[in-house]
N, C-alpha and C. Protein backbone atom coordinates (compact mmCIF):
# COMPACT_ATOMS: atom_id res chain seq x y z
N MET A 1 0.86 -1.20 0.00
CA MET A 1 0.00 0.00 0.00
C MET A 1 0.89 1.25 0.00
N VAL A 2 0.69 2.11 -0.97
CA VAL A 2 1.52 3.30 -1.07
C VAL A 2 1.20 4.26 0.07
N GLN A 3 2.22 4.97 0.54
CA GLN A 3 2.02 5.95 1.59
C GLN A 3 1.07 7.04 1.11
N SER A 4 0.45 7.74 2.06
CA SER A 4 -0.47 8.82 1.73
C SER A 4 0.17 9.83 0.79
N LEU A 5 -0.53 10.14 -0.30
CA LEU A 5 -0.02 11.12 -1.25
C LEU A 5 -0.01 12.51 -0.64
N GLN A 6 -0.93 12.76 0.28
CA GLN A 6 -1.05 14.08 0.90
C GLN A 6 0.13 14.36 1.83
N GLY A 7 0.45 13.38 2.66
CA GLY A 7 1.56 13.54 3.59
C GLY A 7 1.13 14.21 4.89
N ILE A 8 1.80 13.83 5.98
CA ILE A 8 1.55 14.44 7.29
C ILE A 8 2.90 14.67 7.96
N GLY A 9 2.93 15.54 8.97
CA GLY A 9 4.17 15.74 9.71
C GLY A 9 5.31 16.17 8.81
N MET A 10 6.39 15.37 8.80
CA MET A 10 7.57 15.71 8.03
C MET A 10 7.40 15.47 6.53
N THR A 11 6.23 15.00 6.10
CA THR A 11 5.97 14.85 4.67
C THR A 11 4.82 15.77 4.22
N SER A 12 4.45 16.70 5.07
CA SER A 12 3.30 17.56 4.79
C SER A 12 3.65 18.66 3.79
N LEU A 13 2.63 19.36 3.34
CA LEU A 13 2.82 20.45 2.39
C LEU A 13 3.71 21.55 2.99
N ARG A 14 3.61 21.77 4.30
CA ARG A 14 4.43 22.78 4.95
C ARG A 14 5.92 22.42 4.83
N THR A 15 6.23 21.14 4.99
CA THR A 15 7.62 20.69 4.85
C THR A 15 8.09 20.87 3.41
N ARG A 16 7.21 20.60 2.47
CA ARG A 16 7.55 20.79 1.05
C ARG A 16 7.80 22.26 0.74
N GLU A 17 7.04 23.13 1.37
CA GLU A 17 7.23 24.58 1.16
C GLU A 17 8.64 25.00 1.58
N ARG A 18 9.14 24.43 2.66
CA ARG A 18 10.49 24.74 3.09
C ARG A 18 11.51 24.26 2.05
N MET A 19 11.25 23.11 1.45
CA MET A 19 12.12 22.61 0.40
C MET A 19 12.14 23.56 -0.80
N ILE A 20 10.98 24.05 -1.19
CA ILE A 20 10.89 24.96 -2.33
C ILE A 20 11.61 26.27 -2.05
N LYS A 21 11.46 26.79 -0.83
CA LYS A 21 12.17 28.01 -0.44
C LYS A 21 13.68 27.79 -0.54
N ARG A 22 14.14 26.63 -0.10
CA ARG A 22 15.58 26.32 -0.15
C ARG A 22 16.05 26.22 -1.60
N LEU A 23 15.27 25.59 -2.45
CA LEU A 23 15.64 25.45 -3.86
C LEU A 23 15.72 26.82 -4.54
N SER A 24 14.79 27.69 -4.22
CA SER A 24 14.82 29.05 -4.78
C SER A 24 16.09 29.77 -4.35
N GLU A 25 16.44 29.61 -3.08
CA GLU A 25 17.66 30.25 -2.56
C GLU A 25 18.92 29.67 -3.21
N GLN A 26 18.83 28.41 -3.66
CA GLN A 26 19.97 27.75 -4.32
C GLN A 26 20.06 28.10 -5.81
N GLY A 27 19.10 28.89 -6.30
CA GLY A 27 19.20 29.38 -7.66
C GLY A 27 18.26 28.79 -8.68
N ILE A 28 17.34 27.93 -8.25
CA ILE A 28 16.35 27.38 -9.18
C ILE A 28 15.30 28.45 -9.45
N LYS A 29 15.15 28.84 -10.72
CA LYS A 29 14.29 29.98 -11.05
C LYS A 29 12.99 29.62 -11.76
N ASN A 30 12.94 28.46 -12.42
CA ASN A 30 11.76 28.09 -13.19
C ASN A 30 10.60 27.80 -12.24
N THR A 31 9.62 28.70 -12.21
CA THR A 31 8.53 28.58 -11.24
C THR A 31 7.64 27.36 -11.50
N LYS A 32 7.53 26.96 -12.77
CA LYS A 32 6.73 25.77 -13.08
C LYS A 32 7.37 24.52 -12.49
N ILE A 33 8.69 24.41 -12.61
CA ILE A 33 9.40 23.27 -12.02
C ILE A 33 9.26 23.29 -10.51
N LEU A 34 9.39 24.45 -9.90
CA LEU A 34 9.24 24.56 -8.44
C LEU A 34 7.85 24.14 -8.00
N GLU A 35 6.83 24.53 -8.76
CA GLU A 35 5.45 24.16 -8.41
C GLU A 35 5.25 22.66 -8.50
N ILE A 36 5.83 22.04 -9.53
CA ILE A 36 5.70 20.59 -9.68
C ILE A 36 6.42 19.87 -8.55
N LEU A 37 7.60 20.36 -8.16
CA LEU A 37 8.31 19.75 -7.03
C LEU A 37 7.53 19.93 -5.73
N ARG A 38 6.85 21.05 -5.60
CA ARG A 38 6.03 21.28 -4.41
C ARG A 38 4.88 20.27 -4.33
N SER A 39 4.26 20.00 -5.45
CA SER A 39 3.05 19.17 -5.45
C SER A 39 3.32 17.67 -5.59
N THR A 40 4.52 17.30 -6.00
CA THR A 40 4.82 15.87 -6.19
C THR A 40 5.29 15.26 -4.88
N PRO A 41 4.61 14.21 -4.41
CA PRO A 41 4.93 13.63 -3.10
C PRO A 41 6.19 12.76 -3.14
N ARG A 42 7.35 13.38 -2.90
CA ARG A 42 8.62 12.66 -2.96
C ARG A 42 8.67 11.51 -1.95
N HIS A 43 7.92 11.64 -0.85
CA HIS A 43 8.01 10.64 0.21
C HIS A 43 7.48 9.27 -0.21
N ILE A 44 6.65 9.20 -1.25
CA ILE A 44 6.16 7.88 -1.66
C ILE A 44 7.21 7.09 -2.45
N PHE A 45 8.26 7.78 -2.89
CA PHE A 45 9.28 7.12 -3.71
C PHE A 45 10.42 6.54 -2.89
N VAL A 46 10.35 6.66 -1.56
CA VAL A 46 11.37 6.08 -0.69
C VAL A 46 10.68 5.13 0.30
N ASP A 47 11.48 4.28 0.94
CA ASP A 47 10.93 3.38 1.95
C ASP A 47 10.29 4.18 3.07
N GLU A 48 9.26 3.62 3.66
CA GLU A 48 8.51 4.33 4.70
C GLU A 48 9.42 4.79 5.85
N ALA A 49 10.45 4.01 6.15
CA ALA A 49 11.36 4.35 7.24
C ALA A 49 12.14 5.64 6.95
N LEU A 50 12.25 6.00 5.68
CA LEU A 50 13.00 7.20 5.29
C LEU A 50 12.09 8.36 4.90
N ALA A 51 10.78 8.15 4.97
CA ALA A 51 9.83 9.15 4.47
C ALA A 51 9.99 10.50 5.16
N SER A 52 10.34 10.49 6.45
CA SER A 52 10.47 11.75 7.18
C SER A 52 11.63 12.60 6.68
N ARG A 53 12.54 11.99 5.90
CA ARG A 53 13.70 12.72 5.36
C ARG A 53 13.51 13.07 3.87
N ALA A 54 12.35 12.78 3.34
CA ALA A 54 12.14 12.88 1.90
C ALA A 54 12.34 14.29 1.36
N TYR A 55 12.08 15.31 2.17
CA TYR A 55 12.15 16.69 1.68
C TYR A 55 13.40 17.42 2.16
N GLU A 56 14.33 16.65 2.75
CA GLU A 56 15.65 17.19 3.03
C GLU A 56 16.44 17.21 1.72
N ASP A 57 17.46 18.05 1.64
CA ASP A 57 18.24 18.13 0.40
C ASP A 57 19.37 17.10 0.42
N VAL A 58 18.96 15.84 0.43
CA VAL A 58 19.92 14.73 0.47
C VAL A 58 19.46 13.63 -0.48
N ALA A 59 20.44 12.87 -1.00
CA ALA A 59 20.13 11.65 -1.73
C ALA A 59 19.82 10.57 -0.71
N LEU A 60 18.88 9.69 -1.04
CA LEU A 60 18.49 8.62 -0.12
C LEU A 60 18.56 7.27 -0.83
N PRO A 61 18.91 6.21 -0.10
CA PRO A 61 19.02 4.88 -0.73
C PRO A 61 17.64 4.33 -1.11
N ILE A 62 17.59 3.66 -2.26
CA ILE A 62 16.35 3.01 -2.70
C ILE A 62 16.57 1.52 -2.96
N GLY A 63 17.72 1.00 -2.52
CA GLY A 63 18.03 -0.41 -2.73
C GLY A 63 18.83 -0.63 -3.99
N TYR A 64 19.44 -1.81 -4.10
CA TYR A 64 20.19 -2.22 -5.29
C TYR A 64 21.36 -1.27 -5.59
N ASN A 65 21.93 -0.70 -4.51
CA ASN A 65 23.05 0.25 -4.63
C ASN A 65 22.70 1.49 -5.45
N GLN A 66 21.44 1.86 -5.42
CA GLN A 66 20.95 3.04 -6.14
C GLN A 66 20.40 4.06 -5.15
N THR A 67 20.27 5.30 -5.60
CA THR A 67 19.73 6.35 -4.73
C THR A 67 18.70 7.18 -5.48
N ILE A 68 17.86 7.86 -4.72
CA ILE A 68 17.00 8.91 -5.27
C ILE A 68 17.79 10.21 -5.09
N SER A 69 17.97 10.95 -6.17
CA SER A 69 18.80 12.15 -6.13
C SER A 69 18.21 13.20 -5.20
N GLN A 70 19.08 14.04 -4.64
CA GLN A 70 18.61 15.11 -3.78
C GLN A 70 17.74 16.06 -4.59
N PRO A 71 16.75 16.71 -3.94
CA PRO A 71 15.83 17.59 -4.66
C PRO A 71 16.52 18.65 -5.51
N TYR A 72 17.63 19.23 -5.01
CA TYR A 72 18.32 20.26 -5.80
C TYR A 72 18.80 19.71 -7.14
N ILE A 73 19.37 18.50 -7.14
CA ILE A 73 19.88 17.92 -8.38
C ILE A 73 18.74 17.62 -9.34
N VAL A 74 17.62 17.11 -8.83
CA VAL A 74 16.45 16.87 -9.69
C VAL A 74 15.99 18.18 -10.30
N ALA A 75 15.88 19.22 -9.47
CA ALA A 75 15.45 20.53 -9.97
C ALA A 75 16.44 21.10 -10.97
N LYS A 76 17.72 21.01 -10.68
CA LYS A 76 18.75 21.58 -11.55
C LYS A 76 18.79 20.88 -12.90
N MET A 77 18.77 19.55 -12.89
CA MET A 77 18.82 18.80 -14.15
C MET A 77 17.57 19.08 -14.98
N THR A 78 16.43 19.18 -14.32
CA THR A 78 15.18 19.46 -15.04
C THR A 78 15.23 20.86 -15.63
N GLU A 79 15.73 21.82 -14.87
CA GLU A 79 15.82 23.20 -15.36
C GLU A 79 16.80 23.30 -16.54
N LEU A 80 17.91 22.57 -16.48
CA LEU A 80 18.86 22.57 -17.60
C LEU A 80 18.22 21.95 -18.85
N LEU A 81 17.38 20.95 -18.65
CA LEU A 81 16.73 20.27 -19.77
C LEU A 81 15.67 21.16 -20.41
N ILE A 82 14.84 21.78 -19.58
CA ILE A 82 13.72 22.58 -20.07
C ILE A 82 14.18 23.94 -20.58
N LYS A 83 15.27 24.48 -20.04
CA LYS A 83 15.88 25.75 -20.43
C LYS A 83 15.08 26.98 -20.01
N SER A 84 13.79 27.02 -20.33
CA SER A 84 12.96 28.16 -19.94
C SER A 84 11.50 27.71 -19.90
N PRO A 85 10.64 28.44 -19.19
CA PRO A 85 9.22 28.06 -19.13
C PRO A 85 8.57 28.00 -20.51
N GLN A 86 9.14 28.71 -21.49
CA GLN A 86 8.57 28.73 -22.84
C GLN A 86 9.11 27.58 -23.72
N HIS A 87 10.09 26.86 -23.22
CA HIS A 87 10.73 25.79 -24.00
C HIS A 87 9.97 24.49 -23.79
N HIS A 88 9.12 24.12 -24.77
CA HIS A 88 8.28 22.94 -24.63
C HIS A 88 8.92 21.72 -25.30
N LEU A 89 9.01 20.62 -24.58
CA LEU A 89 9.57 19.39 -25.11
C LEU A 89 8.46 18.36 -25.32
N LYS A 90 8.49 17.71 -26.47
CA LYS A 90 7.48 16.69 -26.76
C LYS A 90 7.93 15.31 -26.27
N LYS A 91 9.12 14.89 -26.69
CA LYS A 91 9.60 13.55 -26.34
C LYS A 91 10.91 13.64 -25.56
N VAL A 92 10.92 13.02 -24.38
CA VAL A 92 12.13 13.00 -23.57
C VAL A 92 12.49 11.56 -23.22
N LEU A 93 13.75 11.23 -23.39
CA LEU A 93 14.28 9.93 -23.00
C LEU A 93 14.96 10.07 -21.65
N GLU A 94 14.58 9.22 -20.70
CA GLU A 94 15.22 9.19 -19.39
C GLU A 94 16.01 7.89 -19.25
N ILE A 95 17.30 8.03 -18.95
CA ILE A 95 18.14 6.85 -18.73
C ILE A 95 18.29 6.66 -17.23
N GLY A 96 17.66 5.62 -16.71
CA GLY A 96 17.68 5.34 -15.28
C GLY A 96 16.40 5.78 -14.60
N THR A 97 15.36 4.95 -14.66
CA THR A 97 14.09 5.28 -14.01
C THR A 97 14.29 5.41 -12.50
N GLY A 98 15.10 4.51 -11.95
CA GLY A 98 15.37 4.54 -10.51
C GLY A 98 14.12 4.47 -9.68
N SER A 99 13.96 5.40 -8.77
CA SER A 99 12.78 5.43 -7.90
C SER A 99 11.52 5.83 -8.65
N GLY A 100 11.70 6.56 -9.77
CA GLY A 100 10.55 7.08 -10.51
C GLY A 100 10.24 8.53 -10.21
N TYR A 101 10.96 9.13 -9.25
CA TYR A 101 10.67 10.52 -8.86
C TYR A 101 10.99 11.51 -9.97
N GLN A 102 12.19 11.41 -10.54
CA GLN A 102 12.54 12.29 -11.66
C GLN A 102 11.59 12.07 -12.83
N THR A 103 11.19 10.82 -13.05
CA THR A 103 10.23 10.49 -14.10
C THR A 103 8.92 11.24 -13.89
N ALA A 104 8.47 11.24 -12.64
CA ALA A 104 7.21 11.92 -12.30
C ALA A 104 7.29 13.41 -12.58
N VAL A 105 8.43 14.01 -12.25
CA VAL A 105 8.61 15.45 -12.50
C VAL A 105 8.58 15.73 -14.00
N LEU A 106 9.32 14.94 -14.75
CA LEU A 106 9.37 15.13 -16.21
C LEU A 106 8.00 14.95 -16.85
N ALA A 107 7.26 13.95 -16.39
CA ALA A 107 5.96 13.62 -17.00
C ALA A 107 4.96 14.76 -16.87
N GLN A 108 5.18 15.66 -15.90
CA GLN A 108 4.29 16.80 -15.71
C GLN A 108 4.75 18.03 -16.50
N LEU A 109 5.86 17.88 -17.23
CA LEU A 109 6.42 19.01 -17.98
C LEU A 109 6.49 18.78 -19.48
N VAL A 110 6.51 17.53 -19.91
CA VAL A 110 6.69 17.23 -21.33
C VAL A 110 5.53 16.35 -21.81
N ASP A 111 5.42 16.21 -23.13
CA ASP A 111 4.31 15.42 -23.67
C ASP A 111 4.43 13.94 -23.36
N HIS A 112 5.64 13.39 -23.50
CA HIS A 112 5.81 11.96 -23.25
C HIS A 112 7.23 11.66 -22.78
N VAL A 113 7.33 10.78 -21.77
CA VAL A 113 8.61 10.35 -21.24
C VAL A 113 8.83 8.88 -21.61
N TYR A 114 10.02 8.59 -22.15
CA TYR A 114 10.44 7.22 -22.44
C TYR A 114 11.55 6.89 -21.46
N SER A 115 11.28 5.98 -20.52
CA SER A 115 12.19 5.77 -19.40
C SER A 115 12.75 4.35 -19.41
N ILE A 116 14.08 4.25 -19.32
CA ILE A 116 14.77 2.95 -19.36
C ILE A 116 15.40 2.67 -18.00
N GLU A 117 15.22 1.44 -17.51
CA GLU A 117 15.84 1.01 -16.26
C GLU A 117 16.43 -0.39 -16.44
N ARG A 118 17.64 -0.59 -15.91
CA ARG A 118 18.34 -1.86 -16.07
C ARG A 118 18.13 -2.82 -14.89
N ILE A 119 17.46 -2.35 -13.82
CA ILE A 119 17.20 -3.18 -12.64
C ILE A 119 15.70 -3.40 -12.55
N LEU A 120 15.25 -4.60 -12.87
CA LEU A 120 13.82 -4.87 -13.03
C LEU A 120 13.00 -4.61 -11.77
N PRO A 121 13.41 -5.04 -10.56
CA PRO A 121 12.60 -4.76 -9.37
C PRO A 121 12.41 -3.27 -9.11
N LEU A 122 13.44 -2.47 -9.40
CA LEU A 122 13.30 -1.01 -9.26
C LEU A 122 12.27 -0.47 -10.23
N GLN A 123 12.32 -0.96 -11.47
CA GLN A 123 11.36 -0.49 -12.47
C GLN A 123 9.93 -0.83 -12.05
N ARG A 124 9.73 -2.02 -11.52
CA ARG A 124 8.38 -2.43 -11.11
C ARG A 124 7.85 -1.54 -9.99
N LYS A 125 8.71 -1.21 -9.01
CA LYS A 125 8.28 -0.32 -7.93
C LYS A 125 7.97 1.07 -8.46
N ALA A 126 8.83 1.58 -9.32
CA ALA A 126 8.62 2.92 -9.88
C ALA A 126 7.30 2.98 -10.65
N LYS A 127 7.03 1.96 -11.43
CA LYS A 127 5.77 1.92 -12.19
C LYS A 127 4.56 2.03 -11.26
N SER A 128 4.61 1.30 -10.14
CA SER A 128 3.45 1.32 -9.23
C SER A 128 3.25 2.70 -8.63
N TYR A 129 4.36 3.39 -8.27
CA TYR A 129 4.24 4.74 -7.72
C TYR A 129 3.67 5.70 -8.76
N LEU A 130 4.14 5.59 -9.99
CA LEU A 130 3.71 6.51 -11.05
C LEU A 130 2.26 6.25 -11.43
N TRP A 131 1.84 5.01 -11.38
CA TRP A 131 0.42 4.71 -11.63
C TRP A 131 -0.45 5.28 -10.52
N ASP A 132 0.03 5.21 -9.27
CA ASP A 132 -0.73 5.81 -8.17
C ASP A 132 -0.92 7.31 -8.37
N LEU A 133 0.07 7.94 -9.00
CA LEU A 133 -0.02 9.37 -9.29
C LEU A 133 -0.80 9.66 -10.57
N LYS A 134 -1.27 8.58 -11.23
CA LYS A 134 -2.08 8.69 -12.45
C LYS A 134 -1.34 9.41 -13.58
N LEU A 135 -0.04 9.17 -13.64
CA LEU A 135 0.78 9.73 -14.73
C LEU A 135 0.86 8.67 -15.83
N LYS A 136 0.19 8.94 -16.94
CA LYS A 136 0.02 7.91 -17.97
C LYS A 136 0.80 8.20 -19.26
N ASN A 137 1.53 9.30 -19.29
CA ASN A 137 2.28 9.66 -20.50
C ASN A 137 3.74 9.19 -20.39
N ILE A 138 3.91 7.96 -19.89
CA ILE A 138 5.24 7.38 -19.68
C ILE A 138 5.29 6.00 -20.31
N SER A 139 6.33 5.74 -21.09
CA SER A 139 6.60 4.39 -21.61
C SER A 139 7.85 3.87 -20.92
N PHE A 140 7.82 2.59 -20.53
CA PHE A 140 8.93 2.00 -19.79
C PHE A 140 9.63 0.93 -20.62
N MET A 141 10.95 0.87 -20.48
CA MET A 141 11.72 -0.23 -21.06
C MET A 141 12.66 -0.79 -20.01
N TYR A 142 12.69 -2.12 -19.91
CA TYR A 142 13.70 -2.79 -19.10
C TYR A 142 14.86 -3.10 -20.02
N GLY A 143 15.98 -2.41 -19.84
CA GLY A 143 17.07 -2.62 -20.77
C GLY A 143 18.30 -1.80 -20.43
N ASP A 144 19.24 -1.79 -21.35
CA ASP A 144 20.52 -1.12 -21.22
C ASP A 144 20.38 0.32 -21.71
N GLY A 145 20.54 1.27 -20.78
CA GLY A 145 20.36 2.68 -21.13
C GLY A 145 21.36 3.19 -22.14
N GLY A 146 22.55 2.56 -22.19
CA GLY A 146 23.57 3.01 -23.12
C GLY A 146 23.18 2.81 -24.57
N VAL A 147 22.22 1.94 -24.81
CA VAL A 147 21.73 1.67 -26.17
C VAL A 147 20.67 2.69 -26.57
N GLY A 148 20.08 3.35 -25.56
CA GLY A 148 19.00 4.29 -25.86
C GLY A 148 17.73 3.57 -26.26
N TRP A 149 16.87 4.27 -27.00
CA TRP A 149 15.59 3.69 -27.43
C TRP A 149 15.34 4.17 -28.85
N ALA A 150 16.00 3.51 -29.78
CA ALA A 150 16.03 3.96 -31.17
C ALA A 150 14.64 4.01 -31.81
N ASP A 151 13.74 3.14 -31.37
CA ASP A 151 12.40 3.09 -31.98
C ASP A 151 11.67 4.42 -31.89
N TYR A 152 11.99 5.23 -30.89
CA TYR A 152 11.27 6.49 -30.68
C TYR A 152 12.16 7.72 -30.89
N ALA A 153 13.40 7.50 -31.30
CA ALA A 153 14.31 8.62 -31.58
C ALA A 153 13.88 9.32 -32.87
N PRO A 154 14.25 10.60 -33.05
CA PRO A 154 15.07 11.42 -32.15
C PRO A 154 14.24 12.03 -31.02
N PHE A 155 14.93 12.36 -29.93
CA PHE A 155 14.30 12.92 -28.75
C PHE A 155 14.62 14.41 -28.62
N ASP A 156 13.64 15.18 -28.14
CA ASP A 156 13.86 16.61 -27.89
C ASP A 156 14.77 16.81 -26.68
N GLY A 157 14.74 15.84 -25.77
CA GLY A 157 15.57 15.91 -24.58
C GLY A 157 15.95 14.52 -24.11
N ILE A 158 17.13 14.40 -23.52
CA ILE A 158 17.58 13.16 -22.90
C ILE A 158 18.16 13.53 -21.54
N LEU A 159 17.72 12.83 -20.50
CA LEU A 159 18.24 13.07 -19.16
C LEU A 159 18.80 11.76 -18.63
N VAL A 160 20.03 11.81 -18.15
CA VAL A 160 20.73 10.60 -17.70
C VAL A 160 21.04 10.72 -16.22
N SER A 161 20.66 9.71 -15.43
CA SER A 161 20.83 9.79 -13.98
C SER A 161 21.91 8.84 -13.46
N ALA A 162 22.92 8.58 -14.27
CA ALA A 162 24.11 7.85 -13.86
C ALA A 162 25.28 8.43 -14.65
N ALA A 163 26.49 8.29 -14.13
CA ALA A 163 27.64 9.00 -14.71
C ALA A 163 28.56 8.07 -15.50
N PRO A 164 28.62 8.23 -16.84
CA PRO A 164 29.63 7.54 -17.63
C PRO A 164 30.94 8.33 -17.59
N SER A 165 32.03 7.67 -17.97
CA SER A 165 33.32 8.38 -18.03
C SER A 165 33.34 9.35 -19.21
N GLN A 166 32.57 9.03 -20.24
CA GLN A 166 32.39 9.95 -21.37
C GLN A 166 30.99 9.76 -21.93
N ILE A 167 30.50 10.74 -22.67
CA ILE A 167 29.12 10.71 -23.15
C ILE A 167 28.95 9.61 -24.20
N PRO A 168 27.99 8.71 -24.02
CA PRO A 168 27.76 7.65 -25.01
C PRO A 168 27.35 8.23 -26.37
N ASN A 169 28.05 7.83 -27.40
CA ASN A 169 27.76 8.34 -28.74
C ASN A 169 26.36 7.97 -29.20
N THR A 170 25.88 6.81 -28.77
CA THR A 170 24.54 6.37 -29.15
C THR A 170 23.48 7.37 -28.71
N LEU A 171 23.65 7.91 -27.51
CA LEU A 171 22.68 8.90 -27.01
C LEU A 171 22.77 10.20 -27.78
N LEU A 172 23.98 10.60 -28.13
CA LEU A 172 24.14 11.81 -28.95
C LEU A 172 23.41 11.66 -30.29
N GLN A 173 23.52 10.48 -30.88
CA GLN A 173 22.90 10.23 -32.19
C GLN A 173 21.37 10.18 -32.10
N GLN A 174 20.83 9.90 -30.91
CA GLN A 174 19.37 9.83 -30.75
C GLN A 174 18.77 11.17 -30.32
N LEU A 175 19.60 12.19 -30.26
CA LEU A 175 19.14 13.54 -29.91
C LEU A 175 18.73 14.29 -31.17
N ALA A 176 17.57 14.93 -31.13
CA ALA A 176 17.10 15.72 -32.27
C ALA A 176 17.99 16.95 -32.46
N ILE A 177 18.01 17.48 -33.67
CA ILE A 177 18.69 18.76 -33.90
C ILE A 177 18.00 19.81 -33.03
N GLY A 178 18.78 20.53 -32.25
CA GLY A 178 18.22 21.48 -31.29
C GLY A 178 17.87 20.86 -29.96
N GLY A 179 17.98 19.54 -29.87
CA GLY A 179 17.66 18.83 -28.64
C GLY A 179 18.75 18.99 -27.59
N VAL A 180 18.38 18.65 -26.33
CA VAL A 180 19.27 18.87 -25.19
C VAL A 180 19.47 17.57 -24.43
N LEU A 181 20.73 17.27 -24.12
CA LEU A 181 21.11 16.13 -23.30
C LEU A 181 21.69 16.65 -21.99
N VAL A 182 21.15 16.21 -20.86
CA VAL A 182 21.68 16.58 -19.55
C VAL A 182 22.23 15.32 -18.91
N ILE A 183 23.52 15.36 -18.52
CA ILE A 183 24.19 14.14 -18.09
C ILE A 183 25.37 14.45 -17.17
N PRO A 184 25.53 13.67 -16.08
CA PRO A 184 26.75 13.79 -15.28
C PRO A 184 27.85 12.98 -15.96
N VAL A 185 29.05 13.55 -16.05
CA VAL A 185 30.14 12.87 -16.76
C VAL A 185 31.40 12.87 -15.89
N GLY A 186 32.08 11.71 -15.85
CA GLY A 186 33.35 11.64 -15.13
C GLY A 186 33.43 10.45 -14.21
N MET A 187 34.64 10.20 -13.73
CA MET A 187 34.86 9.11 -12.78
C MET A 187 34.46 9.58 -11.38
N ALA A 188 34.32 8.63 -10.45
CA ALA A 188 33.93 8.95 -9.08
C ALA A 188 34.86 10.01 -8.49
N GLY A 189 34.25 11.05 -7.92
CA GLY A 189 35.02 12.12 -7.31
C GLY A 189 35.34 13.26 -8.26
N ARG A 190 35.10 13.04 -9.57
CA ARG A 190 35.42 14.09 -10.55
C ARG A 190 34.30 14.21 -11.58
N GLN A 191 33.08 14.11 -11.12
CA GLN A 191 31.93 14.17 -12.03
C GLN A 191 31.43 15.62 -12.16
N VAL A 192 31.05 15.98 -13.38
CA VAL A 192 30.53 17.31 -13.66
C VAL A 192 29.22 17.18 -14.43
N LEU A 193 28.24 17.96 -14.06
CA LEU A 193 26.97 17.98 -14.77
C LEU A 193 27.13 18.77 -16.06
N GLN A 194 26.75 18.15 -17.17
CA GLN A 194 26.91 18.79 -18.48
C GLN A 194 25.58 18.89 -19.21
N ARG A 195 25.47 19.94 -20.02
CA ARG A 195 24.33 20.07 -20.94
C ARG A 195 24.88 20.12 -22.36
N VAL A 196 24.39 19.21 -23.18
CA VAL A 196 24.83 19.12 -24.57
C VAL A 196 23.66 19.48 -25.48
N THR A 197 23.84 20.47 -26.32
CA THR A 197 22.81 20.85 -27.29
C THR A 197 23.29 20.45 -28.68
N ARG A 198 22.45 19.72 -29.40
CA ARG A 198 22.83 19.30 -30.75
C ARG A 198 22.56 20.43 -31.73
N ILE A 199 23.60 20.93 -32.36
CA ILE A 199 23.49 22.06 -33.27
C ILE A 199 23.17 21.60 -34.69
N SER A 200 23.82 20.50 -35.10
CA SER A 200 23.61 19.94 -36.44
C SER A 200 23.93 18.45 -36.38
N ASP A 201 23.97 17.78 -37.54
CA ASP A 201 24.23 16.34 -37.55
C ASP A 201 25.51 15.97 -36.81
N ASP A 202 26.54 16.79 -36.92
CA ASP A 202 27.83 16.44 -36.33
C ASP A 202 28.42 17.56 -35.46
N SER A 203 27.57 18.45 -34.96
CA SER A 203 28.05 19.57 -34.15
C SER A 203 27.23 19.67 -32.86
N TYR A 204 27.96 19.80 -31.73
CA TYR A 204 27.31 19.85 -30.42
C TYR A 204 27.92 20.98 -29.59
N ASP A 205 27.08 21.64 -28.82
CA ASP A 205 27.55 22.66 -27.88
C ASP A 205 27.50 22.04 -26.48
N ILE A 206 28.63 22.08 -25.76
CA ILE A 206 28.71 21.45 -24.44
C ILE A 206 28.96 22.52 -23.38
N GLU A 207 28.08 22.55 -22.36
CA GLU A 207 28.22 23.46 -21.23
C GLU A 207 28.44 22.63 -19.96
N GLN A 208 29.25 23.16 -19.05
CA GLN A 208 29.52 22.47 -17.79
C GLN A 208 28.94 23.26 -16.62
N PHE A 209 28.41 22.51 -15.64
CA PHE A 209 27.76 23.15 -14.50
C PHE A 209 28.33 22.59 -13.19
N ASP A 210 27.48 22.13 -12.30
CA ASP A 210 27.89 21.73 -10.95
C ASP A 210 28.76 20.47 -10.94
N SER A 211 29.62 20.39 -9.92
CA SER A 211 30.24 19.11 -9.57
C SER A 211 29.17 18.27 -8.87
N VAL A 212 29.10 16.98 -9.22
CA VAL A 212 28.02 16.13 -8.71
C VAL A 212 28.56 14.77 -8.30
N ILE A 213 27.70 14.00 -7.63
CA ILE A 213 28.03 12.62 -7.25
C ILE A 213 26.88 11.73 -7.69
N PHE A 214 27.14 10.88 -8.67
CA PHE A 214 26.14 9.93 -9.18
C PHE A 214 26.72 8.52 -9.15
N VAL A 215 25.81 7.55 -9.16
CA VAL A 215 26.26 6.17 -9.33
C VAL A 215 26.86 6.02 -10.73
N PRO A 216 27.78 5.08 -10.93
CA PRO A 216 28.39 4.92 -12.26
C PRO A 216 27.40 4.41 -13.29
N PHE A 217 27.61 4.79 -14.52
CA PHE A 217 26.80 4.35 -15.65
C PHE A 217 27.24 2.94 -16.02
N LEU A 218 26.36 1.96 -15.88
CA LEU A 218 26.69 0.57 -16.14
C LEU A 218 25.93 0.05 -17.36
N SER A 219 26.55 -0.83 -18.10
CA SER A 219 25.89 -1.43 -19.27
C SER A 219 25.21 -2.73 -18.86
N GLY A 220 24.38 -3.24 -19.74
CA GLY A 220 23.70 -4.51 -19.50
C GLY A 220 22.48 -4.36 -18.60
N LYS A 221 21.90 -5.49 -18.22
CA LYS A 221 20.72 -5.52 -17.37
C LYS A 221 21.00 -6.40 -16.15
N GLU A 222 20.26 -6.13 -15.07
CA GLU A 222 20.34 -6.99 -13.88
C GLU A 222 19.02 -7.71 -13.69
């Protein structure tokens, strides 16, 4: 049984308001993203024992050596992907469904999310949470994120929630002209959040942002 979507105590709307105030102070400016983070119940995406910490600015374990990213990173990556409130994305590929929280945020901002997860039990849990939220504009694949999802390419946006040592060329090729890829890149301890915009068939603009800590990008399925 999923935890209450409304939340009480440390998962209440008042606690979420404090999170939004903190995110604004940290530089998140897109008010639509902030509103979605305010209304999306992050506490249902973690184990009940950790629910009271759901709105702290920390990553939390979700099992299988994976984590749910801290709210600031979710907000920052989403803001880098969307670019501005006027920038509308139709198709977004997400590499690493994980808990499903980032998926839920994206699904409220874009027309359709295509989400790939390599750990089947995680994907099943995420699906159940997203169905409880009645988010139906999401397609799921159990598979290797490094391969992407060619059947639905090109994508207006690609968001990757694990860090490869370098950007997978397959994902670059599945990005539409003018599309945006947001991805942490680097080895443990030296990861940087990057935004890649595809300018033409063989030209990309790469911007670097925050230093981050993500799980490594792994190939294959578990």
